[in-house]
Amino acid sequence: MNYTAYLFDFDYTLANSSAGIVICFQHVLQGNGYRNVSDDDIRRTIGKTLEESFSILTGVSDPAILEAYRKAYVREADVYMTAHTALFPETASVLAELKKAGKKLGIISTKYRYRIRELLDKENLTRLFDIIVGGEDVKTHKPSPEGLLFAMEHIGVRPKDTLYIGDSVVDAETALAAGVDFAGVTHGVTTAEELEAYPHLRIMPSLSGLL
């Protein structure tokens, strides 16, 4: 795969933060009387915005209530998230090999940029990335191509020279909307069959398939 830039989703693509996400959601949900939401229900919303996830999990549509839940989640995440997030075993070595080969690297995620940087700083990987676009950096979230297009413009690459790597159908839709090739990784809850329904270069069990 001879691309100039390799741009990645974060959750379930580079790192597994599902344990931290579940803890934070359950604290907020149970604190507001929602005691019957399963951990698997929460995991299936990973990759969506916090407001979208809370709406799906609670049935609430009131923007003010969803914003209050979002703020409560962020407070929980400040305590629990980084400590309960781990890179996938191959992540660091694959990123290092791509960077060694002269590739430009970036992250486009609905997760907040500062939260992503917390883990990357902890793992001494921040230096490998040319750009990190988080949820606070865009007006429209994936599958809108806004974040992906901004990243390509910022690092000076064309869509035809860019590969976007993600774990969900939202990531596949984002790549399609931005006009870039897509590679899927099945680290998360989305199956290979679900990803294969979208245009793709390949669907991989791990990021090692990029090398």
N, C-alpha and C. Protein backbone atom coordinates (compact mmCIF):
# COMPACT_ATOMS: atom_id res chain seq x y z
N MET A 1 0.85 -1.18 0.00
CA MET A 1 0.00 0.00 0.00
C MET A 1 0.89 1.23 0.00
N ASN A 2 0.94 1.90 -1.12
CA ASN A 2 1.87 3.01 -1.26
C ASN A 2 1.12 4.34 -1.15
N TYR A 3 0.79 4.73 0.08
CA TYR A 3 0.12 6.00 0.34
C TYR A 3 1.10 6.96 0.99
N THR A 4 0.83 8.25 0.81
CA THR A 4 1.65 9.27 1.45
C THR A 4 1.23 9.46 2.90
N ALA A 5 -0.08 9.37 3.16
CA ALA A 5 -0.61 9.62 4.50
C ALA A 5 -1.49 8.46 4.96
N TYR A 6 -1.34 8.11 6.22
CA TYR A 6 -2.17 7.11 6.88
C TYR A 6 -2.87 7.79 8.03
N LEU A 7 -4.19 7.96 7.91
CA LEU A 7 -4.97 8.65 8.92
C LEU A 7 -5.87 7.64 9.62
N PHE A 8 -5.94 7.74 10.93
CA PHE A 8 -6.57 6.71 11.75
C PHE A 8 -7.72 7.26 12.58
N ASP A 9 -8.74 6.44 12.76
CA ASP A 9 -9.67 6.60 13.87
C ASP A 9 -8.89 6.24 15.15
N PHE A 10 -9.46 6.50 16.31
CA PHE A 10 -8.74 6.19 17.56
C PHE A 10 -9.33 5.01 18.31
N ASP A 11 -10.53 5.18 18.86
CA ASP A 11 -11.13 4.11 19.67
C ASP A 11 -11.41 2.87 18.82
N TYR A 12 -10.95 1.72 19.31
CA TYR A 12 -11.10 0.43 18.65
C TYR A 12 -10.29 0.32 17.36
N THR A 13 -9.47 1.33 17.07
CA THR A 13 -8.59 1.27 15.91
C THR A 13 -7.14 1.26 16.37
N LEU A 14 -6.73 2.30 17.09
CA LEU A 14 -5.38 2.34 17.66
C LEU A 14 -5.35 1.86 19.11
N ALA A 15 -6.46 2.07 19.82
CA ALA A 15 -6.47 1.79 21.25
C ALA A 15 -7.82 1.20 21.67
N ASN A 16 -7.78 0.47 22.77
CA ASN A 16 -9.00 -0.08 23.34
C ASN A 16 -9.31 0.70 24.62
N SER A 17 -10.24 1.61 24.50
CA SER A 17 -10.65 2.40 25.67
C SER A 17 -12.04 2.00 26.14
N SER A 18 -12.49 0.82 25.70
CA SER A 18 -13.87 0.42 26.01
C SER A 18 -14.10 0.28 27.51
N ALA A 19 -13.10 -0.19 28.26
CA ALA A 19 -13.28 -0.33 29.71
C ALA A 19 -13.53 1.02 30.35
N GLY A 20 -12.73 2.01 29.97
CA GLY A 20 -12.91 3.35 30.52
C GLY A 20 -14.21 3.97 30.08
N ILE A 21 -14.58 3.77 28.83
CA ILE A 21 -15.83 4.33 28.32
C ILE A 21 -17.02 3.74 29.06
N VAL A 22 -17.02 2.43 29.28
CA VAL A 22 -18.12 1.78 29.98
C VAL A 22 -18.23 2.30 31.41
N ILE A 23 -17.10 2.43 32.09
CA ILE A 23 -17.11 2.94 33.47
C ILE A 23 -17.75 4.33 33.51
N CYS A 24 -17.30 5.21 32.63
CA CYS A 24 -17.80 6.59 32.63
C CYS A 24 -19.28 6.66 32.30
N PHE A 25 -19.70 5.93 31.27
CA PHE A 25 -21.11 5.92 30.92
C PHE A 25 -21.96 5.37 32.06
N GLN A 26 -21.54 4.26 32.64
CA GLN A 26 -22.34 3.66 33.71
C GLN A 26 -22.46 4.58 34.92
N HIS A 27 -21.40 5.28 35.26
CA HIS A 27 -21.48 6.22 36.39
C HIS A 27 -22.53 7.30 36.11
N VAL A 28 -22.51 7.84 34.89
CA VAL A 28 -23.47 8.89 34.55
C VAL A 28 -24.89 8.33 34.44
N LEU A 29 -25.02 7.20 33.75
CA LEU A 29 -26.35 6.61 33.55
C LEU A 29 -26.98 6.20 34.87
N GLN A 30 -26.24 5.49 35.69
CA GLN A 30 -26.81 5.02 36.95
C GLN A 30 -27.08 6.18 37.89
N GLY A 31 -26.23 7.21 37.82
CA GLY A 31 -26.47 8.39 38.64
C GLY A 31 -27.71 9.15 38.25
N ASN A 32 -28.21 8.88 37.05
CA ASN A 32 -29.43 9.53 36.58
C ASN A 32 -30.60 8.56 36.46
N GLY A 33 -30.47 7.41 37.11
CA GLY A 33 -31.59 6.48 37.21
C GLY A 33 -31.68 5.43 36.13
N TYR A 34 -30.70 5.38 35.22
CA TYR A 34 -30.71 4.37 34.15
C TYR A 34 -29.84 3.19 34.58
N ARG A 35 -30.48 2.19 35.18
CA ARG A 35 -29.74 1.09 35.79
C ARG A 35 -29.79 -0.20 34.98
N ASN A 36 -30.44 -0.16 33.84
CA ASN A 36 -30.62 -1.38 33.06
C ASN A 36 -29.93 -1.32 31.69
N VAL A 37 -28.98 -0.41 31.54
CA VAL A 37 -28.23 -0.32 30.28
C VAL A 37 -27.02 -1.25 30.38
N SER A 38 -26.89 -2.17 29.44
CA SER A 38 -25.80 -3.14 29.52
C SER A 38 -24.49 -2.55 29.02
N ASP A 39 -23.40 -3.17 29.44
CA ASP A 39 -22.09 -2.74 28.95
C ASP A 39 -21.98 -2.91 27.44
N ASP A 40 -22.60 -3.97 26.90
CA ASP A 40 -22.55 -4.18 25.45
C ASP A 40 -23.33 -3.10 24.71
N ASP A 41 -24.44 -2.65 25.29
CA ASP A 41 -25.19 -1.54 24.67
C ASP A 41 -24.28 -0.31 24.55
N ILE A 42 -23.51 -0.05 25.59
CA ILE A 42 -22.60 1.10 25.58
C ILE A 42 -21.51 0.91 24.54
N ARG A 43 -20.92 -0.28 24.50
CA ARG A 43 -19.83 -0.54 23.54
C ARG A 43 -20.28 -0.33 22.11
N ARG A 44 -21.54 -0.64 21.82
CA ARG A 44 -22.03 -0.49 20.45
C ARG A 44 -22.16 0.97 20.02
N THR A 45 -22.09 1.90 20.96
CA THR A 45 -22.18 3.31 20.59
C THR A 45 -20.80 3.97 20.46
N ILE A 46 -19.74 3.23 20.73
CA ILE A 46 -18.40 3.81 20.66
C ILE A 46 -18.13 4.30 19.23
N GLY A 47 -17.63 5.52 19.14
CA GLY A 47 -17.38 6.14 17.85
C GLY A 47 -18.37 7.24 17.53
N LYS A 48 -19.52 7.24 18.21
CA LYS A 48 -20.49 8.30 18.05
C LYS A 48 -20.16 9.43 19.03
N THR A 49 -20.77 10.59 18.84
CA THR A 49 -20.57 11.66 19.80
C THR A 49 -21.22 11.26 21.12
N LEU A 50 -20.80 11.91 22.20
CA LEU A 50 -21.37 11.60 23.51
C LEU A 50 -22.87 11.88 23.53
N GLU A 51 -23.27 12.98 22.92
CA GLU A 51 -24.70 13.30 22.89
C GLU A 51 -25.49 12.23 22.15
N GLU A 52 -24.97 11.78 21.01
CA GLU A 52 -25.64 10.73 20.24
C GLU A 52 -25.72 9.44 21.06
N SER A 53 -24.64 9.10 21.73
CA SER A 53 -24.61 7.87 22.52
C SER A 53 -25.62 7.93 23.66
N PHE A 54 -25.64 9.04 24.39
CA PHE A 54 -26.59 9.14 25.50
C PHE A 54 -28.03 9.12 25.00
N SER A 55 -28.29 9.72 23.85
CA SER A 55 -29.64 9.70 23.29
C SER A 55 -30.05 8.28 22.95
N ILE A 56 -29.15 7.53 22.33
CA ILE A 56 -29.43 6.13 21.98
C ILE A 56 -29.68 5.29 23.23
N LEU A 57 -28.88 5.50 24.26
CA LEU A 57 -28.94 4.66 25.45
C LEU A 57 -30.11 5.00 26.38
N THR A 58 -30.56 6.25 26.34
CA THR A 58 -31.60 6.69 27.27
C THR A 58 -32.93 7.01 26.60
N GLY A 59 -32.91 7.26 25.29
CA GLY A 59 -34.11 7.70 24.61
C GLY A 59 -34.37 9.19 24.76
N VAL A 60 -33.49 9.90 25.47
CA VAL A 60 -33.64 11.34 25.68
C VAL A 60 -33.25 12.09 24.40
N SER A 61 -34.02 13.11 24.05
CA SER A 61 -33.69 13.94 22.89
C SER A 61 -33.50 15.41 23.25
N ASP A 62 -33.78 15.77 24.48
CA ASP A 62 -33.64 17.16 24.92
C ASP A 62 -32.17 17.57 24.91
N PRO A 63 -31.79 18.56 24.08
CA PRO A 63 -30.38 18.95 23.99
C PRO A 63 -29.78 19.39 25.32
N ALA A 64 -30.56 20.05 26.16
CA ALA A 64 -30.04 20.52 27.44
C ALA A 64 -29.69 19.36 28.36
N ILE A 65 -30.52 18.35 28.37
CA ILE A 65 -30.25 17.17 29.21
C ILE A 65 -29.05 16.41 28.67
N LEU A 66 -28.99 16.24 27.35
CA LEU A 66 -27.86 15.53 26.75
C LEU A 66 -26.55 16.27 27.00
N GLU A 67 -26.59 17.60 26.99
CA GLU A 67 -25.40 18.38 27.28
C GLU A 67 -24.97 18.20 28.74
N ALA A 68 -25.94 18.11 29.64
CA ALA A 68 -25.61 17.86 31.04
C ALA A 68 -24.97 16.49 31.21
N TYR A 69 -25.48 15.49 30.50
CA TYR A 69 -24.89 14.16 30.56
C TYR A 69 -23.47 14.18 29.99
N ARG A 70 -23.30 14.93 28.89
CA ARG A 70 -21.96 15.02 28.29
C ARG A 70 -20.96 15.61 29.27
N LYS A 71 -21.34 16.68 29.93
CA LYS A 71 -20.44 17.32 30.89
C LYS A 71 -20.12 16.39 32.05
N ALA A 72 -21.12 15.65 32.51
CA ALA A 72 -20.88 14.69 33.59
C ALA A 72 -19.93 13.58 33.14
N TYR A 73 -20.09 13.14 31.90
CA TYR A 73 -19.20 12.11 31.36
C TYR A 73 -17.76 12.62 31.31
N VAL A 74 -17.56 13.85 30.85
CA VAL A 74 -16.22 14.41 30.75
C VAL A 74 -15.55 14.46 32.13
N ARG A 75 -16.32 14.81 33.15
CA ARG A 75 -15.76 14.82 34.51
C ARG A 75 -15.33 13.43 34.93
N GLU A 76 -16.13 12.43 34.60
CA GLU A 76 -15.76 11.05 34.91
C GLU A 76 -14.52 10.63 34.12
N ALA A 77 -14.48 11.02 32.86
CA ALA A 77 -13.36 10.62 32.00
C ALA A 77 -12.05 11.23 32.47
N ASP A 78 -12.11 12.43 33.04
CA ASP A 78 -10.90 13.04 33.58
C ASP A 78 -10.26 12.17 34.66
N VAL A 79 -11.08 11.38 35.31
CA VAL A 79 -10.60 10.52 36.40
C VAL A 79 -10.21 9.13 35.89
N TYR A 80 -11.04 8.56 35.03
CA TYR A 80 -10.92 7.14 34.73
C TYR A 80 -10.36 6.78 33.36
N MET A 81 -10.47 7.66 32.36
CA MET A 81 -10.28 7.22 30.99
C MET A 81 -8.87 6.74 30.66
N THR A 82 -7.87 7.58 30.86
CA THR A 82 -6.53 7.21 30.43
C THR A 82 -6.02 5.97 31.15
N ALA A 83 -6.35 5.85 32.42
CA ALA A 83 -5.92 4.70 33.21
C ALA A 83 -6.55 3.40 32.73
N HIS A 84 -7.68 3.50 32.04
CA HIS A 84 -8.38 2.31 31.56
C HIS A 84 -8.37 2.21 30.04
N THR A 85 -7.35 2.79 29.41
CA THR A 85 -7.18 2.72 27.95
C THR A 85 -5.82 2.13 27.64
N ALA A 86 -5.77 1.22 26.69
CA ALA A 86 -4.51 0.59 26.30
C ALA A 86 -4.41 0.50 24.79
N LEU A 87 -3.22 0.73 24.27
CA LEU A 87 -2.98 0.53 22.85
C LEU A 87 -3.14 -0.95 22.50
N PHE A 88 -3.57 -1.24 21.28
CA PHE A 88 -3.55 -2.62 20.82
C PHE A 88 -2.09 -3.06 20.69
N PRO A 89 -1.82 -4.35 20.84
CA PRO A 89 -0.42 -4.82 20.92
C PRO A 89 0.46 -4.39 19.76
N GLU A 90 -0.09 -4.28 18.56
CA GLU A 90 0.73 -3.97 17.39
C GLU A 90 0.80 -2.48 17.07
N THR A 91 0.01 -1.66 17.78
CA THR A 91 -0.13 -0.25 17.40
C THR A 91 1.20 0.48 17.32
N ALA A 92 1.98 0.44 18.39
CA ALA A 92 3.21 1.23 18.45
C ALA A 92 4.19 0.82 17.35
N SER A 93 4.35 -0.47 17.14
CA SER A 93 5.33 -0.93 16.14
C SER A 93 4.89 -0.60 14.72
N VAL A 94 3.59 -0.71 14.43
CA VAL A 94 3.08 -0.38 13.09
C VAL A 94 3.26 1.11 12.83
N LEU A 95 2.91 1.95 13.79
CA LEU A 95 3.08 3.39 13.61
C LEU A 95 4.55 3.75 13.40
N ALA A 96 5.42 3.12 14.17
CA ALA A 96 6.85 3.40 14.03
C ALA A 96 7.37 3.01 12.66
N GLU A 97 6.90 1.87 12.14
CA GLU A 97 7.35 1.42 10.82
C GLU A 97 6.85 2.36 9.72
N LEU A 98 5.61 2.80 9.84
CA LEU A 98 5.07 3.72 8.84
C LEU A 98 5.83 5.05 8.87
N LYS A 99 6.11 5.53 10.06
CA LYS A 99 6.85 6.79 10.17
C LYS A 99 8.27 6.65 9.64
N LYS A 100 8.89 5.51 9.93
CA LYS A 100 10.24 5.24 9.43
C LYS A 100 10.26 5.24 7.90
N ALA A 101 9.16 4.82 7.30
CA ALA A 101 9.05 4.79 5.84
C ALA A 101 8.71 6.16 5.25
N GLY A 102 8.63 7.18 6.10
CA GLY A 102 8.39 8.54 5.63
C GLY A 102 6.93 8.91 5.46
N LYS A 103 6.03 8.13 6.02
CA LYS A 103 4.61 8.41 5.87
C LYS A 103 4.15 9.49 6.84
N LYS A 104 3.14 10.26 6.42
CA LYS A 104 2.51 11.21 7.32
C LYS A 104 1.38 10.50 8.06
N LEU A 105 1.28 10.77 9.37
CA LEU A 105 0.31 10.07 10.21
C LEU A 105 -0.61 11.06 10.89
N GLY A 106 -1.86 10.66 11.04
CA GLY A 106 -2.81 11.53 11.73
C GLY A 106 -3.93 10.72 12.36
N ILE A 107 -4.67 11.37 13.23
CA ILE A 107 -5.82 10.78 13.89
C ILE A 107 -7.02 11.69 13.68
N ILE A 108 -8.16 11.11 13.32
CA ILE A 108 -9.42 11.84 13.22
C ILE A 108 -10.44 11.06 14.03
N SER A 109 -10.91 11.65 15.12
CA SER A 109 -11.76 10.93 16.06
C SER A 109 -12.83 11.83 16.64
N THR A 110 -13.93 11.23 17.11
CA THR A 110 -14.92 12.00 17.86
C THR A 110 -14.46 12.20 19.30
N LYS A 111 -13.45 11.46 19.73
CA LYS A 111 -12.89 11.63 21.08
C LYS A 111 -12.18 12.97 21.15
N TYR A 112 -12.17 13.58 22.32
CA TYR A 112 -11.51 14.88 22.46
C TYR A 112 -10.01 14.74 22.24
N ARG A 113 -9.47 15.73 21.54
CA ARG A 113 -8.04 15.71 21.20
C ARG A 113 -7.15 15.63 22.44
N TYR A 114 -7.48 16.39 23.47
CA TYR A 114 -6.62 16.39 24.66
C TYR A 114 -6.61 15.02 25.33
N ARG A 115 -7.72 14.30 25.21
CA ARG A 115 -7.78 12.96 25.82
C ARG A 115 -6.90 11.98 25.03
N ILE A 116 -6.94 12.10 23.71
CA ILE A 116 -6.07 11.25 22.87
C ILE A 116 -4.61 11.53 23.19
N ARG A 117 -4.27 12.81 23.32
CA ARG A 117 -2.89 13.18 23.60
C ARG A 117 -2.42 12.66 24.95
N GLU A 118 -3.31 12.56 25.92
CA GLU A 118 -2.94 12.03 27.23
C GLU A 118 -2.33 10.64 27.10
N LEU A 119 -3.00 9.78 26.32
CA LEU A 119 -2.50 8.42 26.16
C LEU A 119 -1.24 8.40 25.30
N LEU A 120 -1.24 9.17 24.21
CA LEU A 120 -0.07 9.18 23.34
C LEU A 120 1.16 9.72 24.07
N ASP A 121 0.96 10.75 24.89
CA ASP A 121 2.08 11.27 25.69
C ASP A 121 2.59 10.20 26.65
N LYS A 122 1.67 9.50 27.27
CA LYS A 122 2.02 8.44 28.21
C LYS A 122 2.83 7.34 27.53
N GLU A 123 2.50 7.05 26.28
CA GLU A 123 3.17 5.99 25.53
C GLU A 123 4.32 6.51 24.67
N ASN A 124 4.61 7.82 24.75
CA ASN A 124 5.69 8.45 23.99
C ASN A 124 5.49 8.28 22.48
N LEU A 125 4.25 8.47 22.03
CA LEU A 125 3.93 8.31 20.60
C LEU A 125 3.46 9.60 19.95
N THR A 126 3.24 10.65 20.72
CA THR A 126 2.72 11.89 20.15
C THR A 126 3.60 12.40 19.02
N ARG A 127 4.90 12.23 19.16
CA ARG A 127 5.88 12.73 18.19
C ARG A 127 5.69 12.10 16.81
N LEU A 128 5.02 10.96 16.73
CA LEU A 128 4.86 10.28 15.45
C LEU A 128 3.78 10.91 14.58
N PHE A 129 2.91 11.71 15.18
CA PHE A 129 1.73 12.20 14.45
C PHE A 129 1.93 13.62 13.94
N ASP A 130 1.51 13.82 12.69
CA ASP A 130 1.56 15.13 12.07
C ASP A 130 0.34 15.96 12.42
N ILE A 131 -0.76 15.31 12.77
CA ILE A 131 -1.98 16.03 13.14
C ILE A 131 -2.89 15.11 13.94
N ILE A 132 -3.60 15.70 14.91
CA ILE A 132 -4.65 15.01 15.66
C ILE A 132 -5.88 15.89 15.62
N VAL A 133 -6.97 15.39 15.06
CA VAL A 133 -8.23 16.12 14.98
C VAL A 133 -9.23 15.42 15.90
N GLY A 134 -9.65 16.13 16.94
CA GLY A 134 -10.59 15.57 17.90
C GLY A 134 -11.98 16.14 17.74
N GLY A 135 -12.87 15.66 18.58
CA GLY A 135 -14.26 16.08 18.50
C GLY A 135 -14.48 17.56 18.68
N GLU A 136 -13.58 18.21 19.45
CA GLU A 136 -13.72 19.65 19.70
C GLU A 136 -13.22 20.50 18.54
N ASP A 137 -12.64 19.86 17.52
CA ASP A 137 -12.02 20.60 16.42
C ASP A 137 -12.91 20.75 15.19
N VAL A 138 -14.09 20.14 15.21
CA VAL A 138 -14.97 20.17 14.03
C VAL A 138 -16.37 20.62 14.43
N LYS A 139 -17.10 21.12 13.44
CA LYS A 139 -18.50 21.49 13.66
C LYS A 139 -19.43 20.33 13.37
N THR A 140 -19.05 19.48 12.42
CA THR A 140 -19.86 18.32 12.08
C THR A 140 -19.01 17.06 12.24
N HIS A 141 -19.54 16.09 12.95
CA HIS A 141 -18.80 14.89 13.28
C HIS A 141 -18.97 13.79 12.23
N LYS A 142 -18.09 12.82 12.27
CA LYS A 142 -18.20 11.68 11.36
C LYS A 142 -19.61 11.10 11.42
N PRO A 143 -20.16 10.69 10.26
CA PRO A 143 -19.52 10.46 8.96
C PRO A 143 -19.31 11.69 8.09
N SER A 144 -19.53 12.88 8.62
CA SER A 144 -19.13 14.07 7.87
C SER A 144 -17.63 13.98 7.60
N PRO A 145 -17.19 14.37 6.41
CA PRO A 145 -15.77 14.30 6.09
C PRO A 145 -14.96 15.49 6.60
N GLU A 146 -15.61 16.40 7.37
CA GLU A 146 -14.95 17.65 7.76
C GLU A 146 -13.57 17.42 8.39
N GLY A 147 -13.50 16.55 9.38
CA GLY A 147 -12.23 16.32 10.07
C GLY A 147 -11.17 15.73 9.17
N LEU A 148 -11.57 14.80 8.33
CA LEU A 148 -10.64 14.16 7.42
C LEU A 148 -10.13 15.14 6.37
N LEU A 149 -11.02 15.94 5.83
CA LEU A 149 -10.63 16.95 4.83
C LEU A 149 -9.70 17.99 5.46
N PHE A 150 -10.01 18.41 6.68
CA PHE A 150 -9.15 19.38 7.37
C PHE A 150 -7.76 18.81 7.57
N ALA A 151 -7.67 17.55 7.99
CA ALA A 151 -6.37 16.93 8.23
C ALA A 151 -5.55 16.86 6.95
N MET A 152 -6.18 16.46 5.85
CA MET A 152 -5.45 16.37 4.58
C MET A 152 -4.94 17.73 4.12
N GLU A 153 -5.79 18.74 4.28
CA GLU A 153 -5.36 20.09 3.89
C GLU A 153 -4.20 20.56 4.76
N HIS A 154 -4.29 20.28 6.05
CA HIS A 154 -3.27 20.76 7.00
C HIS A 154 -1.91 20.13 6.73
N ILE A 155 -1.90 18.83 6.41
CA ILE A 155 -0.61 18.17 6.21
C ILE A 155 -0.20 18.12 4.73
N GLY A 156 -1.06 18.66 3.86
CA GLY A 156 -0.69 18.82 2.46
C GLY A 156 -0.68 17.56 1.63
N VAL A 157 -1.75 16.74 1.76
CA VAL A 157 -1.84 15.53 0.95
C VAL A 157 -3.17 15.51 0.20
N ARG A 158 -3.20 14.80 -0.90
CA ARG A 158 -4.40 14.68 -1.72
C ARG A 158 -5.19 13.43 -1.31
N PRO A 159 -6.50 13.44 -1.57
CA PRO A 159 -7.30 12.26 -1.24
C PRO A 159 -6.76 10.97 -1.85
N LYS A 160 -6.27 11.03 -3.09
CA LYS A 160 -5.81 9.79 -3.74
C LYS A 160 -4.53 9.25 -3.10
N ASP A 161 -3.86 10.07 -2.30
CA ASP A 161 -2.62 9.64 -1.64
C ASP A 161 -2.84 9.32 -0.17
N THR A 162 -4.12 9.21 0.23
CA THR A 162 -4.47 9.06 1.65
C THR A 162 -5.25 7.78 1.89
N LEU A 163 -4.92 7.09 2.97
CA LEU A 163 -5.69 5.92 3.42
C LEU A 163 -6.23 6.23 4.81
N TYR A 164 -7.54 6.01 4.98
CA TYR A 164 -8.15 6.17 6.31
C TYR A 164 -8.45 4.80 6.88
N ILE A 165 -8.05 4.60 8.14
CA ILE A 165 -8.18 3.30 8.79
C ILE A 165 -9.11 3.43 9.98
N GLY A 166 -10.13 2.57 10.03
CA GLY A 166 -11.07 2.62 11.13
C GLY A 166 -11.72 1.28 11.37
N ASP A 167 -12.56 1.23 12.41
CA ASP A 167 -13.14 -0.04 12.83
C ASP A 167 -14.64 -0.12 12.62
N SER A 168 -15.28 0.97 12.19
CA SER A 168 -16.74 1.00 12.17
C SER A 168 -17.28 1.40 10.81
N VAL A 169 -18.59 1.19 10.63
CA VAL A 169 -19.22 1.61 9.39
C VAL A 169 -19.22 3.14 9.28
N VAL A 170 -19.24 3.82 10.43
CA VAL A 170 -19.14 5.28 10.41
C VAL A 170 -17.80 5.71 9.80
N ASP A 171 -16.73 5.00 10.14
CA ASP A 171 -15.42 5.30 9.56
C ASP A 171 -15.42 5.04 8.06
N ALA A 172 -16.04 3.94 7.64
CA ALA A 172 -16.12 3.62 6.22
C ALA A 172 -16.91 4.70 5.47
N GLU A 173 -18.00 5.17 6.07
CA GLU A 173 -18.81 6.22 5.46
C GLU A 173 -18.03 7.54 5.39
N THR A 174 -17.20 7.80 6.41
CA THR A 174 -16.40 9.02 6.44
C THR A 174 -15.38 9.02 5.31
N ALA A 175 -14.70 7.89 5.12
CA ALA A 175 -13.73 7.78 4.04
C ALA A 175 -14.40 7.98 2.69
N LEU A 176 -15.56 7.37 2.52
CA LEU A 176 -16.29 7.49 1.26
C LEU A 176 -16.67 8.94 0.99
N ALA A 177 -17.15 9.63 2.03
CA ALA A 177 -17.57 11.02 1.88
C ALA A 177 -16.39 11.93 1.54
N ALA A 178 -15.18 11.58 2.04
CA ALA A 178 -13.99 12.39 1.80
C ALA A 178 -13.28 12.02 0.51
N GLY A 179 -13.69 10.93 -0.12
CA GLY A 179 -13.06 10.51 -1.36
C GLY A 179 -11.71 9.87 -1.18
N VAL A 180 -11.51 9.20 -0.02
CA VAL A 180 -10.24 8.52 0.23
C VAL A 180 -10.47 7.03 0.36
N ASP A 181 -9.41 6.25 0.16
CA ASP A 181 -9.50 4.81 0.34
C ASP A 181 -9.66 4.47 1.83
N PHE A 182 -10.30 3.32 2.07
CA PHE A 182 -10.59 2.89 3.44
C PHE A 182 -10.04 1.50 3.69
N ALA A 183 -9.44 1.31 4.86
CA ALA A 183 -9.05 -0.01 5.34
C ALA A 183 -9.71 -0.23 6.69
N GLY A 184 -10.37 -1.35 6.85
CA GLY A 184 -11.05 -1.64 8.10
C GLY A 184 -10.25 -2.59 8.96
N VAL A 185 -10.36 -2.39 10.28
CA VAL A 185 -9.72 -3.29 11.23
C VAL A 185 -10.80 -3.78 12.20
N THR A 186 -10.80 -5.06 12.48
CA THR A 186 -11.88 -5.66 13.26
C THR A 186 -11.52 -5.80 14.73
N HIS A 187 -10.94 -4.76 15.29
CA HIS A 187 -10.64 -4.72 16.73
C HIS A 187 -11.90 -4.54 17.58
N GLY A 188 -12.93 -3.94 16.98
CA GLY A 188 -14.09 -3.51 17.76
C GLY A 188 -15.28 -4.43 17.66
N VAL A 189 -16.47 -3.83 17.73
CA VAL A 189 -17.70 -4.63 17.75
C VAL A 189 -18.31 -4.77 16.36
N THR A 190 -17.75 -4.09 15.36
CA THR A 190 -18.24 -4.21 13.98
C THR A 190 -17.59 -5.39 13.30
N THR A 191 -18.38 -6.19 12.63
CA THR A 191 -17.85 -7.40 12.00
C THR A 191 -17.21 -7.10 10.66
N ALA A 192 -16.39 -8.03 10.19
CA ALA A 192 -15.78 -7.90 8.87
C ALA A 192 -16.85 -7.82 7.79
N GLU A 193 -17.92 -8.59 7.96
CA GLU A 193 -19.00 -8.59 6.96
C GLU A 193 -19.67 -7.22 6.88
N GLU A 194 -19.84 -6.57 8.01
CA GLU A 194 -20.45 -5.24 8.01
C GLU A 194 -19.55 -4.22 7.32
N LEU A 195 -18.25 -4.32 7.56
CA LEU A 195 -17.30 -3.39 6.93
C LEU A 195 -17.18 -3.66 5.43
N GLU A 196 -17.28 -4.92 5.05
CA GLU A 196 -17.12 -5.28 3.63
C GLU A 196 -18.26 -4.77 2.76
N ALA A 197 -19.34 -4.30 3.37
CA ALA A 197 -20.45 -3.75 2.60
C ALA A 197 -20.12 -2.38 2.02
N TYR A 198 -18.99 -1.81 2.45
CA TYR A 198 -18.56 -0.48 1.98
C TYR A 198 -17.30 -0.61 1.13
N PRO A 199 -17.06 0.36 0.24
CA PRO A 199 -15.82 0.32 -0.54
C PRO A 199 -14.62 0.25 0.41
N HIS A 200 -13.70 -0.67 0.11
CA HIS A 200 -12.57 -0.84 1.01
C HIS A 200 -11.37 -1.40 0.25
N LEU A 201 -10.21 -1.07 0.75
CA LEU A 201 -8.98 -1.64 0.22
C LEU A 201 -8.77 -3.03 0.78
N ARG A 202 -8.94 -3.14 2.09
CA ARG A 202 -8.88 -4.44 2.76
C ARG A 202 -9.50 -4.34 4.13
N ILE A 203 -9.92 -5.49 4.66
CA ILE A 203 -10.42 -5.61 6.02
C ILE A 203 -9.44 -6.50 6.77
N MET A 204 -8.92 -6.01 7.91
CA MET A 204 -7.80 -6.68 8.57
C MET A 204 -8.15 -7.05 10.02
N PRO A 205 -7.61 -8.17 10.52
CA PRO A 205 -7.79 -8.49 11.93
C PRO A 205 -6.94 -7.64 12.84
N SER A 206 -5.89 -7.03 12.29
CA SER A 206 -5.04 -6.15 13.10
C SER A 206 -4.37 -5.12 12.19
N LEU A 207 -3.78 -4.11 12.81
CA LEU A 207 -3.11 -3.06 12.04
C LEU A 207 -1.86 -3.55 11.33
N SER A 208 -1.37 -4.70 11.70
CA SER A 208 -0.19 -5.26 11.03
C SER A 208 -0.41 -5.46 9.54
N GLY A 209 -1.69 -5.55 9.14
CA GLY A 209 -2.00 -5.71 7.73
C GLY A 209 -1.65 -4.49 6.90
N LEU A 210 -1.31 -3.37 7.55
CA LEU A 210 -0.91 -2.18 6.81
C LEU A 210 0.53 -2.26 6.30
N LEU A 211 1.31 -3.16 6.88
CA LEU A 211 2.75 -3.20 6.55
C LEU A 211 3.02 -4.16 5.41
